[in-house]
Amino acid sequence: MDWAALAGRAEERYHDGLERMPDAPDVRQRQLTRVANAAWAAGLCHLMQGRVEEACAWFDRAADRYRESFSDAPAGSWGRLIAVVKARLLEDADDGALEAARWALSQGPASADSPIGRYAAALALLVLGDDAEAGRLAESLRRGPEEEFPKPVADALAGLAGRDGELYADGLARLLASFEARSGFLEDVPVADTVMVLEALARPRGLAVEPRSRLLGP
């Protein structure tokens, strides 16, 4: 994979999108999401090259743009919260991740009917160390239909919250396998980003698996 070329194209999309930022709120929030996706892609590409400092700079841009887009986004745009928390986790900035998690929870995702909202809340709670509440939400995701929320992610979240290494490792392995079976990725960047994020949460809990895959960074 030519990660440098992929990173270059993502960076071009980011800068081009910023230069053509519209003023109308709805159009603007959609454009902000597009440039945030491009920044996220650039960060992943640099991470896959082992260029951590550059990756972190792009994750920082991605988090800022996703968060900026949320104020004018339609109700229930919980994916923006997930993206902000994930970007801060991969940026590996403890204070930034904590602040992002508090902000995400303040938007009310924990009480959402949507499983994506509860997923956003569970991630944020795990960042903040509230494993009991994160576990409650993870169990609600595990009880839901497979078509509404992927069971491997729900199991991995429950394993993290309950400090159950076997459950976490099993969920993570199934999640990684699902990534490896995919033919499409956000921004066409073939990276198992959710696996990376869950591992970032697992390490301070002593549960990291450190899997090997062509879809994970060095």
N, C-alpha and C. Protein backbone atom coordinates (compact mmCIF):
# COMPACT_ATOMS: atom_id res chain seq x y z
N MET A 1 0.84 -1.20 0.00
CA MET A 1 0.00 0.00 0.00
C MET A 1 0.88 1.25 0.00
N ASP A 2 0.60 2.18 -0.91
CA ASP A 2 1.37 3.42 -0.98
C ASP A 2 0.74 4.43 -0.02
N TRP A 3 1.14 4.32 1.25
CA TRP A 3 0.54 5.16 2.29
C TRP A 3 0.86 6.63 2.08
N ALA A 4 2.04 6.93 1.58
CA ALA A 4 2.41 8.33 1.35
C ALA A 4 1.49 8.97 0.31
N ALA A 5 1.21 8.23 -0.77
CA ALA A 5 0.32 8.76 -1.80
C ALA A 5 -1.09 8.93 -1.27
N LEU A 6 -1.57 7.94 -0.49
CA LEU A 6 -2.91 8.05 0.10
C LEU A 6 -2.99 9.25 1.04
N ALA A 7 -1.95 9.44 1.84
CA ALA A 7 -1.92 10.58 2.77
C ALA A 7 -1.94 11.89 2.00
N GLY A 8 -1.17 11.97 0.94
CA GLY A 8 -1.12 13.19 0.14
C GLY A 8 -2.48 13.54 -0.45
N ARG A 9 -3.18 12.54 -0.96
CA ARG A 9 -4.51 12.81 -1.53
C ARG A 9 -5.50 13.25 -0.45
N ALA A 10 -5.41 12.62 0.73
CA ALA A 10 -6.31 13.01 1.83
C ALA A 10 -6.03 14.44 2.27
N GLU A 11 -4.77 14.80 2.35
CA GLU A 11 -4.42 16.16 2.75
C GLU A 11 -4.90 17.18 1.73
N GLU A 12 -4.80 16.84 0.45
CA GLU A 12 -5.31 17.73 -0.59
C GLU A 12 -6.81 17.93 -0.46
N ARG A 13 -7.54 16.85 -0.19
CA ARG A 13 -8.99 16.96 0.00
C ARG A 13 -9.32 17.84 1.20
N TYR A 14 -8.54 17.71 2.25
CA TYR A 14 -8.77 18.53 3.44
C TYR A 14 -8.60 20.01 3.13
N HIS A 15 -7.47 20.38 2.56
CA HIS A 15 -7.20 21.79 2.29
C HIS A 15 -8.16 22.36 1.25
N ASP A 16 -8.47 21.57 0.23
CA ASP A 16 -9.42 22.03 -0.78
C ASP A 16 -10.79 22.26 -0.17
N GLY A 17 -11.20 21.36 0.71
CA GLY A 17 -12.51 21.51 1.36
C GLY A 17 -12.59 22.73 2.25
N LEU A 18 -11.50 23.04 2.94
CA LEU A 18 -11.49 24.24 3.79
C LEU A 18 -11.57 25.51 2.95
N GLU A 19 -10.91 25.50 1.81
CA GLU A 19 -10.93 26.68 0.95
C GLU A 19 -12.32 26.93 0.36
N ARG A 20 -13.13 25.89 0.25
CA ARG A 20 -14.46 26.04 -0.35
C ARG A 20 -15.56 25.89 0.70
N MET A 21 -15.28 26.35 1.93
CA MET A 21 -16.24 26.20 3.02
C MET A 21 -17.43 27.14 2.84
N PRO A 22 -18.64 26.61 2.75
CA PRO A 22 -19.82 27.46 2.56
C PRO A 22 -20.26 28.12 3.86
N ASP A 23 -21.17 29.08 3.76
CA ASP A 23 -21.67 29.79 4.94
C ASP A 23 -22.97 29.21 5.47
N ALA A 24 -23.82 28.69 4.59
CA ALA A 24 -25.12 28.15 5.02
C ALA A 24 -24.89 27.02 6.02
N PRO A 25 -25.54 27.06 7.20
CA PRO A 25 -25.22 26.10 8.28
C PRO A 25 -25.30 24.63 7.88
N ASP A 26 -26.36 24.23 7.18
CA ASP A 26 -26.50 22.81 6.87
C ASP A 26 -25.43 22.36 5.88
N VAL A 27 -25.20 23.17 4.86
CA VAL A 27 -24.18 22.81 3.88
C VAL A 27 -22.79 22.84 4.54
N ARG A 28 -22.61 23.80 5.42
CA ARG A 28 -21.32 23.92 6.11
C ARG A 28 -21.03 22.70 6.99
N GLN A 29 -22.03 22.24 7.73
CA GLN A 29 -21.77 21.10 8.61
C GLN A 29 -21.43 19.84 7.81
N ARG A 30 -22.03 19.71 6.63
CA ARG A 30 -21.70 18.56 5.78
C ARG A 30 -20.29 18.69 5.20
N GLN A 31 -19.93 19.90 4.83
CA GLN A 31 -18.57 20.12 4.31
C GLN A 31 -17.53 19.91 5.41
N LEU A 32 -17.83 20.35 6.62
CA LEU A 32 -16.92 20.14 7.74
C LEU A 32 -16.71 18.65 8.00
N THR A 33 -17.78 17.87 7.85
CA THR A 33 -17.65 16.43 8.04
C THR A 33 -16.77 15.82 6.95
N ARG A 34 -16.91 16.30 5.73
CA ARG A 34 -16.07 15.78 4.65
C ARG A 34 -14.59 16.09 4.89
N VAL A 35 -14.29 17.32 5.33
CA VAL A 35 -12.87 17.64 5.55
C VAL A 35 -12.35 16.91 6.79
N ALA A 36 -13.23 16.69 7.78
CA ALA A 36 -12.82 15.91 8.95
C ALA A 36 -12.49 14.48 8.55
N ASN A 37 -13.32 13.89 7.66
CA ASN A 37 -13.03 12.55 7.17
C ASN A 37 -11.67 12.50 6.46
N ALA A 38 -11.38 13.54 5.70
CA ALA A 38 -10.10 13.60 5.00
C ALA A 38 -8.93 13.70 5.99
N ALA A 39 -9.09 14.50 7.03
CA ALA A 39 -8.04 14.62 8.04
C ALA A 39 -7.84 13.31 8.78
N TRP A 40 -8.95 12.64 9.08
CA TRP A 40 -8.89 11.33 9.75
C TRP A 40 -8.12 10.34 8.87
N ALA A 41 -8.42 10.34 7.57
CA ALA A 41 -7.74 9.45 6.64
C ALA A 41 -6.24 9.75 6.59
N ALA A 42 -5.89 11.03 6.55
CA ALA A 42 -4.48 11.40 6.53
C ALA A 42 -3.78 10.92 7.80
N GLY A 43 -4.44 11.08 8.94
CA GLY A 43 -3.86 10.61 10.19
C GLY A 43 -3.61 9.11 10.18
N LEU A 44 -4.57 8.34 9.69
CA LEU A 44 -4.40 6.89 9.63
C LEU A 44 -3.24 6.51 8.70
N CYS A 45 -3.16 7.18 7.57
CA CYS A 45 -2.08 6.87 6.62
C CYS A 45 -0.71 7.13 7.23
N HIS A 46 -0.57 8.26 7.92
CA HIS A 46 0.71 8.55 8.57
C HIS A 46 1.00 7.56 9.69
N LEU A 47 -0.04 7.14 10.42
CA LEU A 47 0.14 6.17 11.48
C LEU A 47 0.63 4.84 10.91
N MET A 48 0.07 4.44 9.77
CA MET A 48 0.49 3.19 9.15
C MET A 48 1.94 3.27 8.66
N GLN A 49 2.44 4.47 8.43
CA GLN A 49 3.85 4.66 8.06
C GLN A 49 4.77 4.73 9.28
N GLY A 50 4.18 4.80 10.47
CA GLY A 50 4.97 4.98 11.67
C GLY A 50 5.36 6.42 11.92
N ARG A 51 4.71 7.35 11.21
CA ARG A 51 5.01 8.78 11.37
C ARG A 51 4.04 9.36 12.39
N VAL A 52 4.32 9.08 13.65
CA VAL A 52 3.36 9.33 14.72
C VAL A 52 3.07 10.82 14.92
N GLU A 53 4.10 11.65 14.89
CA GLU A 53 3.89 13.08 15.12
C GLU A 53 2.96 13.67 14.07
N GLU A 54 3.18 13.32 12.80
CA GLU A 54 2.30 13.82 11.75
C GLU A 54 0.90 13.24 11.88
N ALA A 55 0.81 11.97 12.24
CA ALA A 55 -0.50 11.36 12.43
C ALA A 55 -1.29 12.10 13.51
N CYS A 56 -0.63 12.40 14.61
CA CYS A 56 -1.32 13.07 15.72
C CYS A 56 -1.80 14.46 15.31
N ALA A 57 -1.01 15.16 14.51
CA ALA A 57 -1.43 16.49 14.04
C ALA A 57 -2.70 16.39 13.20
N TRP A 58 -2.80 15.35 12.37
CA TRP A 58 -3.99 15.19 11.55
C TRP A 58 -5.19 14.69 12.35
N PHE A 59 -4.95 13.87 13.36
CA PHE A 59 -6.05 13.47 14.23
C PHE A 59 -6.59 14.67 15.00
N ASP A 60 -5.70 15.58 15.38
CA ASP A 60 -6.12 16.80 16.05
C ASP A 60 -7.02 17.63 15.14
N ARG A 61 -6.64 17.78 13.88
CA ARG A 61 -7.48 18.51 12.93
C ARG A 61 -8.83 17.81 12.75
N ALA A 62 -8.79 16.49 12.64
CA ALA A 62 -10.04 15.74 12.45
C ALA A 62 -10.98 15.97 13.63
N ALA A 63 -10.47 15.86 14.85
CA ALA A 63 -11.31 16.05 16.03
C ALA A 63 -11.93 17.45 16.05
N ASP A 64 -11.13 18.45 15.73
CA ASP A 64 -11.64 19.83 15.72
C ASP A 64 -12.75 20.02 14.68
N ARG A 65 -12.55 19.48 13.49
CA ARG A 65 -13.55 19.66 12.42
C ARG A 65 -14.82 18.85 12.72
N TYR A 66 -14.69 17.63 13.23
CA TYR A 66 -15.89 16.86 13.58
C TYR A 66 -16.69 17.59 14.66
N ARG A 67 -15.98 18.11 15.64
CA ARG A 67 -16.67 18.81 16.73
C ARG A 67 -17.33 20.09 16.21
N GLU A 68 -16.63 20.80 15.34
CA GLU A 68 -17.17 22.03 14.76
C GLU A 68 -18.44 21.73 13.97
N SER A 69 -18.48 20.58 13.32
CA SER A 69 -19.63 20.23 12.49
C SER A 69 -20.86 19.88 13.31
N PHE A 70 -20.66 19.50 14.57
CA PHE A 70 -21.78 18.94 15.35
C PHE A 70 -22.84 19.97 15.70
N SER A 71 -22.45 21.24 15.88
CA SER A 71 -23.41 22.25 16.34
C SER A 71 -24.56 22.45 15.36
N ASP A 72 -24.32 22.28 14.08
CA ASP A 72 -25.37 22.46 13.08
C ASP A 72 -25.83 21.13 12.46
N ALA A 73 -25.36 20.02 13.02
CA ALA A 73 -25.72 18.71 12.47
C ALA A 73 -27.15 18.35 12.86
N PRO A 74 -27.80 17.48 12.09
CA PRO A 74 -29.15 17.03 12.46
C PRO A 74 -29.14 16.34 13.82
N ALA A 75 -30.28 16.36 14.50
CA ALA A 75 -30.39 15.68 15.78
C ALA A 75 -30.05 14.20 15.62
N GLY A 76 -29.35 13.67 16.60
CA GLY A 76 -29.00 12.26 16.54
C GLY A 76 -27.78 11.94 15.71
N SER A 77 -26.96 12.94 15.42
CA SER A 77 -25.73 12.71 14.65
C SER A 77 -24.62 12.22 15.59
N TRP A 78 -24.89 11.08 16.22
CA TRP A 78 -23.99 10.58 17.26
C TRP A 78 -22.63 10.16 16.70
N GLY A 79 -22.58 9.85 15.43
CA GLY A 79 -21.31 9.45 14.84
C GLY A 79 -20.24 10.52 14.97
N ARG A 80 -20.64 11.78 15.02
CA ARG A 80 -19.66 12.87 15.17
C ARG A 80 -18.98 12.77 16.55
N LEU A 81 -19.76 12.42 17.57
CA LEU A 81 -19.19 12.28 18.91
C LEU A 81 -18.18 11.14 18.94
N ILE A 82 -18.56 10.02 18.33
CA ILE A 82 -17.65 8.87 18.27
C ILE A 82 -16.36 9.27 17.58
N ALA A 83 -16.48 9.98 16.47
CA ALA A 83 -15.30 10.38 15.71
C ALA A 83 -14.37 11.27 16.51
N VAL A 84 -14.94 12.20 17.28
CA VAL A 84 -14.11 13.10 18.09
C VAL A 84 -13.34 12.30 19.14
N VAL A 85 -14.04 11.43 19.85
CA VAL A 85 -13.38 10.64 20.91
C VAL A 85 -12.32 9.71 20.31
N LYS A 86 -12.64 9.06 19.19
CA LYS A 86 -11.67 8.17 18.55
C LYS A 86 -10.42 8.93 18.11
N ALA A 87 -10.62 10.11 17.53
CA ALA A 87 -9.47 10.89 17.07
C ALA A 87 -8.58 11.29 18.24
N ARG A 88 -9.19 11.71 19.34
CA ARG A 88 -8.38 12.11 20.50
C ARG A 88 -7.66 10.91 21.11
N LEU A 89 -8.30 9.74 21.09
CA LEU A 89 -7.63 8.55 21.61
C LEU A 89 -6.41 8.18 20.76
N LEU A 90 -6.56 8.22 19.44
CA LEU A 90 -5.44 7.88 18.58
C LEU A 90 -4.38 8.98 18.57
N GLU A 91 -4.79 10.19 18.90
CA GLU A 91 -3.81 11.27 19.05
C GLU A 91 -2.95 11.04 20.28
N ASP A 92 -3.46 10.21 21.20
CA ASP A 92 -2.72 9.84 22.40
C ASP A 92 -2.44 11.04 23.30
N ALA A 93 -3.44 11.93 23.36
CA ALA A 93 -3.33 13.09 24.25
C ALA A 93 -4.33 12.89 25.39
N ASP A 94 -3.82 12.55 26.58
CA ASP A 94 -4.71 12.18 27.68
C ASP A 94 -5.71 13.28 28.01
N ASP A 95 -5.21 14.52 28.17
CA ASP A 95 -6.11 15.62 28.52
C ASP A 95 -7.13 15.85 27.41
N GLY A 96 -6.69 15.76 26.16
CA GLY A 96 -7.61 15.95 25.05
C GLY A 96 -8.69 14.89 25.00
N ALA A 97 -8.32 13.64 25.27
CA ALA A 97 -9.30 12.56 25.26
C ALA A 97 -10.31 12.73 26.40
N LEU A 98 -9.82 13.12 27.56
CA LEU A 98 -10.73 13.32 28.70
C LEU A 98 -11.71 14.46 28.42
N GLU A 99 -11.19 15.56 27.89
CA GLU A 99 -12.07 16.69 27.58
C GLU A 99 -13.07 16.32 26.51
N ALA A 100 -12.63 15.59 25.49
CA ALA A 100 -13.54 15.17 24.43
C ALA A 100 -14.61 14.25 24.96
N ALA A 101 -14.25 13.36 25.87
CA ALA A 101 -15.22 12.43 26.44
C ALA A 101 -16.28 13.18 27.26
N ARG A 102 -15.84 14.15 28.04
CA ARG A 102 -16.80 14.93 28.84
C ARG A 102 -17.75 15.70 27.91
N TRP A 103 -17.18 16.30 26.86
CA TRP A 103 -18.01 17.04 25.91
C TRP A 103 -19.01 16.10 25.24
N ALA A 104 -18.55 14.93 24.81
CA ALA A 104 -19.44 13.99 24.15
C ALA A 104 -20.60 13.59 25.06
N LEU A 105 -20.31 13.29 26.31
CA LEU A 105 -21.38 12.89 27.24
C LEU A 105 -22.35 14.03 27.50
N SER A 106 -21.87 15.26 27.46
CA SER A 106 -22.74 16.41 27.72
C SER A 106 -23.80 16.59 26.63
N GLN A 107 -23.61 15.92 25.48
CA GLN A 107 -24.59 16.01 24.39
C GLN A 107 -25.75 15.03 24.57
N GLY A 108 -25.69 14.18 25.61
CA GLY A 108 -26.79 13.29 25.93
C GLY A 108 -26.89 11.97 25.20
N PRO A 109 -25.78 11.40 24.71
CA PRO A 109 -25.91 10.14 23.96
C PRO A 109 -26.28 8.95 24.83
N ALA A 110 -26.00 9.00 26.13
CA ALA A 110 -26.26 7.84 26.98
C ALA A 110 -27.73 7.48 27.05
N SER A 111 -28.60 8.46 26.87
CA SER A 111 -30.05 8.19 26.95
C SER A 111 -30.68 8.02 25.58
N ALA A 112 -29.86 7.91 24.54
CA ALA A 112 -30.40 7.81 23.19
C ALA A 112 -31.02 6.44 22.94
N ASP A 113 -32.09 6.42 22.17
CA ASP A 113 -32.64 5.15 21.72
C ASP A 113 -31.71 4.49 20.71
N SER A 114 -30.99 5.29 19.98
CA SER A 114 -30.09 4.79 18.96
C SER A 114 -28.90 4.04 19.58
N PRO A 115 -28.59 2.83 19.09
CA PRO A 115 -27.40 2.14 19.60
C PRO A 115 -26.11 2.89 19.32
N ILE A 116 -26.09 3.69 18.25
CA ILE A 116 -24.89 4.48 17.95
C ILE A 116 -24.67 5.53 19.03
N GLY A 117 -25.76 6.12 19.53
CA GLY A 117 -25.64 7.07 20.62
C GLY A 117 -25.08 6.42 21.87
N ARG A 118 -25.60 5.23 22.20
CA ARG A 118 -25.12 4.52 23.39
C ARG A 118 -23.67 4.05 23.21
N TYR A 119 -23.31 3.73 21.99
CA TYR A 119 -21.90 3.40 21.71
C TYR A 119 -21.01 4.61 21.96
N ALA A 120 -21.43 5.77 21.50
CA ALA A 120 -20.67 6.99 21.74
C ALA A 120 -20.49 7.22 23.24
N ALA A 121 -21.57 7.02 23.98
CA ALA A 121 -21.50 7.22 25.43
C ALA A 121 -20.59 6.19 26.09
N ALA A 122 -20.68 4.93 25.66
CA ALA A 122 -19.84 3.89 26.25
C ALA A 122 -18.36 4.18 26.02
N LEU A 123 -18.00 4.60 24.82
CA LEU A 123 -16.61 4.97 24.55
C LEU A 123 -16.15 6.09 25.47
N ALA A 124 -16.98 7.13 25.58
CA ALA A 124 -16.62 8.27 26.41
C ALA A 124 -16.47 7.86 27.88
N LEU A 125 -17.37 7.02 28.35
CA LEU A 125 -17.31 6.57 29.75
C LEU A 125 -16.06 5.73 30.01
N LEU A 126 -15.67 4.92 29.04
CA LEU A 126 -14.44 4.14 29.20
C LEU A 126 -13.22 5.06 29.27
N VAL A 127 -13.22 6.12 28.47
CA VAL A 127 -12.13 7.09 28.53
C VAL A 127 -12.05 7.71 29.93
N LEU A 128 -13.21 8.00 30.50
CA LEU A 128 -13.27 8.65 31.81
C LEU A 128 -13.10 7.67 32.97
N GLY A 129 -13.06 6.38 32.68
CA GLY A 129 -12.88 5.39 33.73
C GLY A 129 -14.14 5.00 34.45
N ASP A 130 -15.31 5.39 33.94
CA ASP A 130 -16.57 4.98 34.55
C ASP A 130 -16.99 3.65 33.92
N ASP A 131 -16.30 2.59 34.32
CA ASP A 131 -16.51 1.30 33.68
C ASP A 131 -17.87 0.70 34.02
N ALA A 132 -18.39 1.00 35.19
CA ALA A 132 -19.69 0.44 35.56
C ALA A 132 -20.79 0.93 34.62
N GLU A 133 -20.84 2.24 34.38
CA GLU A 133 -21.87 2.78 33.49
C GLU A 133 -21.59 2.37 32.04
N ALA A 134 -20.31 2.34 31.67
CA ALA A 134 -19.97 1.88 30.32
C ALA A 134 -20.42 0.44 30.13
N GLY A 135 -20.26 -0.37 31.16
CA GLY A 135 -20.68 -1.77 31.08
C GLY A 135 -22.18 -1.91 30.93
N ARG A 136 -22.93 -1.05 31.61
CA ARG A 136 -24.39 -1.10 31.48
C ARG A 136 -24.80 -0.82 30.04
N LEU A 137 -24.20 0.19 29.44
CA LEU A 137 -24.52 0.52 28.06
C LEU A 137 -24.05 -0.57 27.10
N ALA A 138 -22.87 -1.14 27.36
CA ALA A 138 -22.37 -2.22 26.51
C ALA A 138 -23.32 -3.41 26.54
N GLU A 139 -23.85 -3.72 27.69
CA GLU A 139 -24.79 -4.84 27.78
C GLU A 139 -26.07 -4.56 27.00
N SER A 140 -26.50 -3.30 26.99
CA SER A 140 -27.69 -2.97 26.21
C SER A 140 -27.41 -3.16 24.72
N LEU A 141 -26.18 -2.90 24.30
CA LEU A 141 -25.80 -3.11 22.90
C LEU A 141 -25.70 -4.60 22.59
N ARG A 142 -25.24 -5.37 23.54
CA ARG A 142 -25.13 -6.82 23.32
C ARG A 142 -26.51 -7.47 23.20
N ARG A 143 -27.49 -6.92 23.88
CA ARG A 143 -28.84 -7.50 23.84
C ARG A 143 -29.60 -7.14 22.56
N GLY A 144 -29.16 -6.11 21.86
CA GLY A 144 -29.86 -5.65 20.67
C GLY A 144 -29.62 -6.56 19.47
N PRO A 145 -30.41 -6.39 18.42
CA PRO A 145 -30.25 -7.19 17.20
C PRO A 145 -28.90 -6.93 16.53
N GLU A 146 -28.35 -7.96 15.93
CA GLU A 146 -27.06 -7.86 15.24
C GLU A 146 -27.08 -6.81 14.15
N GLU A 147 -28.24 -6.68 13.48
CA GLU A 147 -28.31 -5.74 12.37
C GLU A 147 -28.31 -4.28 12.84
N GLU A 148 -28.56 -4.06 14.13
CA GLU A 148 -28.56 -2.70 14.66
C GLU A 148 -27.19 -2.28 15.18
N PHE A 149 -26.41 -3.25 15.66
CA PHE A 149 -25.09 -2.92 16.19
C PHE A 149 -24.23 -4.17 16.16
N PRO A 150 -22.98 -4.05 15.69
CA PRO A 150 -22.12 -5.24 15.56
C PRO A 150 -21.78 -5.88 16.90
N LYS A 151 -22.07 -7.16 17.03
CA LYS A 151 -21.84 -7.88 18.28
C LYS A 151 -20.37 -7.90 18.69
N PRO A 152 -19.41 -8.03 17.76
CA PRO A 152 -18.01 -8.02 18.21
C PRO A 152 -17.63 -6.74 18.95
N VAL A 153 -18.12 -5.60 18.49
CA VAL A 153 -17.81 -4.34 19.17
C VAL A 153 -18.47 -4.31 20.54
N ALA A 154 -19.72 -4.73 20.60
CA ALA A 154 -20.43 -4.75 21.89
C ALA A 154 -19.73 -5.67 22.88
N ASP A 155 -19.28 -6.83 22.42
CA ASP A 155 -18.58 -7.76 23.31
C ASP A 155 -17.25 -7.18 23.77
N ALA A 156 -16.53 -6.55 22.87
CA ALA A 156 -15.25 -5.95 23.25
C ALA A 156 -15.45 -4.83 24.27
N LEU A 157 -16.47 -4.00 24.07
CA LEU A 157 -16.77 -2.95 25.04
C LEU A 157 -17.11 -3.54 26.40
N ALA A 158 -17.94 -4.59 26.41
CA ALA A 158 -18.33 -5.22 27.67
C ALA A 158 -17.11 -5.84 28.36
N GLY A 159 -16.22 -6.44 27.55
CA GLY A 159 -15.01 -7.00 28.13
C GLY A 159 -14.12 -5.95 28.77
N LEU A 160 -13.99 -4.80 28.10
CA LEU A 160 -13.21 -3.70 28.67
C LEU A 160 -13.83 -3.21 29.98
N ALA A 161 -15.14 -2.98 29.94
CA ALA A 161 -15.82 -2.43 31.11
C ALA A 161 -15.77 -3.39 32.30
N GLY A 162 -15.88 -4.68 32.02
CA GLY A 162 -15.89 -5.68 33.08
C GLY A 162 -14.54 -6.26 33.39
N ARG A 163 -13.47 -5.75 32.75
CA ARG A 163 -12.11 -6.27 32.92
C ARG A 163 -12.09 -7.79 32.66
N ASP A 164 -12.83 -8.19 31.64
CA ASP A 164 -12.91 -9.59 31.24
C ASP A 164 -12.04 -9.76 29.99
N GLY A 165 -10.81 -10.19 30.20
CA GLY A 165 -9.86 -10.28 29.11
C GLY A 165 -10.27 -11.26 28.03
N GLU A 166 -10.89 -12.37 28.41
CA GLU A 166 -11.30 -13.37 27.42
C GLU A 166 -12.41 -12.83 26.52
N LEU A 167 -13.40 -12.17 27.11
CA LEU A 167 -14.49 -11.60 26.32
C LEU A 167 -13.97 -10.50 25.41
N TYR A 168 -13.08 -9.66 25.95
CA TYR A 168 -12.52 -8.58 25.13
C TYR A 168 -11.74 -9.14 23.95
N ALA A 169 -10.86 -10.10 24.22
CA ALA A 169 -10.01 -10.66 23.16
C ALA A 169 -10.85 -11.34 22.08
N ASP A 170 -11.90 -12.03 22.48
CA ASP A 170 -12.76 -12.71 21.51
C ASP A 170 -13.50 -11.69 20.64
N GLY A 171 -14.04 -10.65 21.27
CA GLY A 171 -14.73 -9.61 20.51
C GLY A 171 -13.79 -8.90 19.56
N LEU A 172 -12.58 -8.60 20.03
CA LEU A 172 -11.61 -7.88 19.20
C LEU A 172 -11.19 -8.74 18.00
N ALA A 173 -10.98 -10.03 18.23
CA ALA A 173 -10.57 -10.92 17.13
C ALA A 173 -11.66 -11.00 16.06
N ARG A 174 -12.92 -11.07 16.48
CA ARG A 174 -14.01 -11.12 15.50
C ARG A 174 -14.15 -9.79 14.76
N LEU A 175 -13.91 -8.70 15.49
CA LEU A 175 -13.97 -7.38 14.85
C LEU A 175 -12.87 -7.25 13.80
N LEU A 176 -11.65 -7.64 14.15
CA LEU A 176 -10.55 -7.56 13.21
C LEU A 176 -10.83 -8.42 11.98
N ALA A 177 -11.38 -9.61 12.19
CA ALA A 177 -11.71 -10.49 11.07
C ALA A 177 -12.73 -9.83 10.15
N SER A 178 -13.69 -9.10 10.74
CA SER A 178 -14.69 -8.43 9.91
C SER A 178 -14.06 -7.31 9.09
N PHE A 179 -13.08 -6.62 9.66
CA PHE A 179 -12.36 -5.60 8.89
C PHE A 179 -11.58 -6.24 7.74
N GLU A 180 -10.94 -7.37 8.02
CA GLU A 180 -10.12 -8.02 7.01
C GLU A 180 -10.96 -8.59 5.87
N ALA A 181 -12.26 -8.80 6.13
CA ALA A 181 -13.16 -9.31 5.09
C ALA A 181 -13.81 -8.20 4.28
N ARG A 182 -13.61 -6.95 4.67
CA ARG A 182 -14.26 -5.83 4.00
C ARG A 182 -13.64 -5.52 2.65
N SER A 183 -14.47 -4.97 1.79
CA SER A 183 -13.95 -4.48 0.51
C SER A 183 -13.98 -2.95 0.45
N GLY A 184 -14.70 -2.32 1.38
CA GLY A 184 -14.80 -0.86 1.39
C GLY A 184 -14.44 -0.28 2.74
N PHE A 185 -13.79 0.89 2.72
CA PHE A 185 -13.37 1.58 3.94
C PHE A 185 -13.64 3.07 3.79
N LEU A 186 -13.81 3.74 4.92
CA LEU A 186 -13.99 5.19 4.90
C LEU A 186 -12.81 5.84 4.20
N GLU A 187 -13.11 6.69 3.22
CA GLU A 187 -12.07 7.40 2.46
C GLU A 187 -11.12 6.43 1.74
N ASP A 188 -11.56 5.19 1.57
CA ASP A 188 -10.74 4.18 0.86
C ASP A 188 -9.39 3.95 1.52
N VAL A 189 -9.34 4.08 2.83
CA VAL A 189 -8.10 3.84 3.58
C VAL A 189 -8.28 2.53 4.36
N PRO A 190 -7.61 1.46 3.94
CA PRO A 190 -7.81 0.14 4.55
C PRO A 190 -7.09 -0.02 5.89
N VAL A 191 -7.74 0.45 6.94
CA VAL A 191 -7.19 0.40 8.29
C VAL A 191 -8.29 -0.02 9.25
N ALA A 192 -7.96 -0.90 10.18
CA ALA A 192 -8.91 -1.34 11.20
C ALA A 192 -8.89 -0.35 12.36
N ASP A 193 -9.42 0.83 12.11
CA ASP A 193 -9.30 1.92 13.08
C ASP A 193 -10.00 1.62 14.40
N THR A 194 -11.16 0.97 14.37
CA THR A 194 -11.86 0.68 15.62
C THR A 194 -11.06 -0.27 16.49
N VAL A 195 -10.35 -1.21 15.87
CA VAL A 195 -9.48 -2.10 16.64
C VAL A 195 -8.40 -1.28 17.34
N MET A 196 -7.81 -0.33 16.64
CA MET A 196 -6.78 0.53 17.24
C MET A 196 -7.33 1.30 18.44
N VAL A 197 -8.54 1.82 18.28
CA VAL A 197 -9.15 2.62 19.35
C VAL A 197 -9.44 1.75 20.57
N LEU A 198 -10.00 0.57 20.36
CA LEU A 198 -10.28 -0.32 21.49
C LEU A 198 -9.00 -0.75 22.19
N GLU A 199 -7.93 -0.98 21.43
CA GLU A 199 -6.66 -1.32 22.04
C GLU A 199 -6.11 -0.16 22.87
N ALA A 200 -6.36 1.07 22.42
CA ALA A 200 -5.93 2.24 23.20
C ALA A 200 -6.63 2.28 24.55
N LEU A 201 -7.87 1.80 24.59
CA LEU A 201 -8.61 1.73 25.86
C LEU A 201 -8.19 0.51 26.67
N ALA A 202 -7.76 -0.54 25.99
CA ALA A 202 -7.40 -1.78 26.69
C ALA A 202 -6.05 -1.69 27.41
N ARG A 203 -5.11 -0.93 26.85
CA ARG A 203 -3.75 -0.91 27.40
C ARG A 203 -3.70 -0.47 28.86
N PRO A 204 -4.34 0.66 29.23
CA PRO A 204 -4.27 1.04 30.65
C PRO A 204 -5.01 0.08 31.57
N ARG A 205 -5.85 -0.78 31.00
CA ARG A 205 -6.57 -1.77 31.80
C ARG A 205 -5.85 -3.12 31.85
N GLY A 206 -4.70 -3.20 31.19
CA GLY A 206 -3.95 -4.44 31.17
C GLY A 206 -4.59 -5.53 30.34
N LEU A 207 -5.42 -5.16 29.36
CA LEU A 207 -6.15 -6.14 28.56
C LEU A 207 -5.74 -6.15 27.09
N ALA A 208 -4.75 -5.38 26.71
CA ALA A 208 -4.39 -5.26 25.29
C ALA A 208 -3.96 -6.61 24.72
N VAL A 209 -4.39 -6.84 23.50
CA VAL A 209 -4.09 -8.10 22.80
C VAL A 209 -2.90 -7.93 21.85
N GLU A 210 -2.72 -6.72 21.34
CA GLU A 210 -1.67 -6.41 20.36
C GLU A 210 -1.73 -7.35 19.16
N PRO A 211 -2.86 -7.40 18.46
CA PRO A 211 -2.97 -8.29 17.30
C PRO A 211 -2.09 -7.82 16.15
N ARG A 212 -1.78 -8.71 15.25
CA ARG A 212 -1.00 -8.39 14.06
C ARG A 212 -1.92 -8.50 12.85
N SER A 213 -1.83 -7.51 11.97
CA SER A 213 -2.65 -7.52 10.77
C SER A 213 -2.11 -6.48 9.81
N ARG A 214 -2.32 -6.73 8.52
CA ARG A 214 -1.97 -5.73 7.50
C ARG A 214 -2.79 -4.46 7.64
N LEU A 215 -3.88 -4.52 8.42
CA LEU A 215 -4.77 -3.36 8.58
C LEU A 215 -4.47 -2.58 9.86
N LEU A 216 -3.38 -2.92 10.53
CA LEU A 216 -3.00 -2.22 11.76
C LEU A 216 -1.62 -1.61 11.60
N GLY A 217 -1.38 -0.55 12.31
CA GLY A 217 -0.11 0.15 12.21
C GLY A 217 1.04 -0.58 12.85
N PRO A 218 2.24 -0.12 12.64
CA PRO A 218 3.42 -0.76 13.24
C PRO A 218 3.42 -0.60 14.76
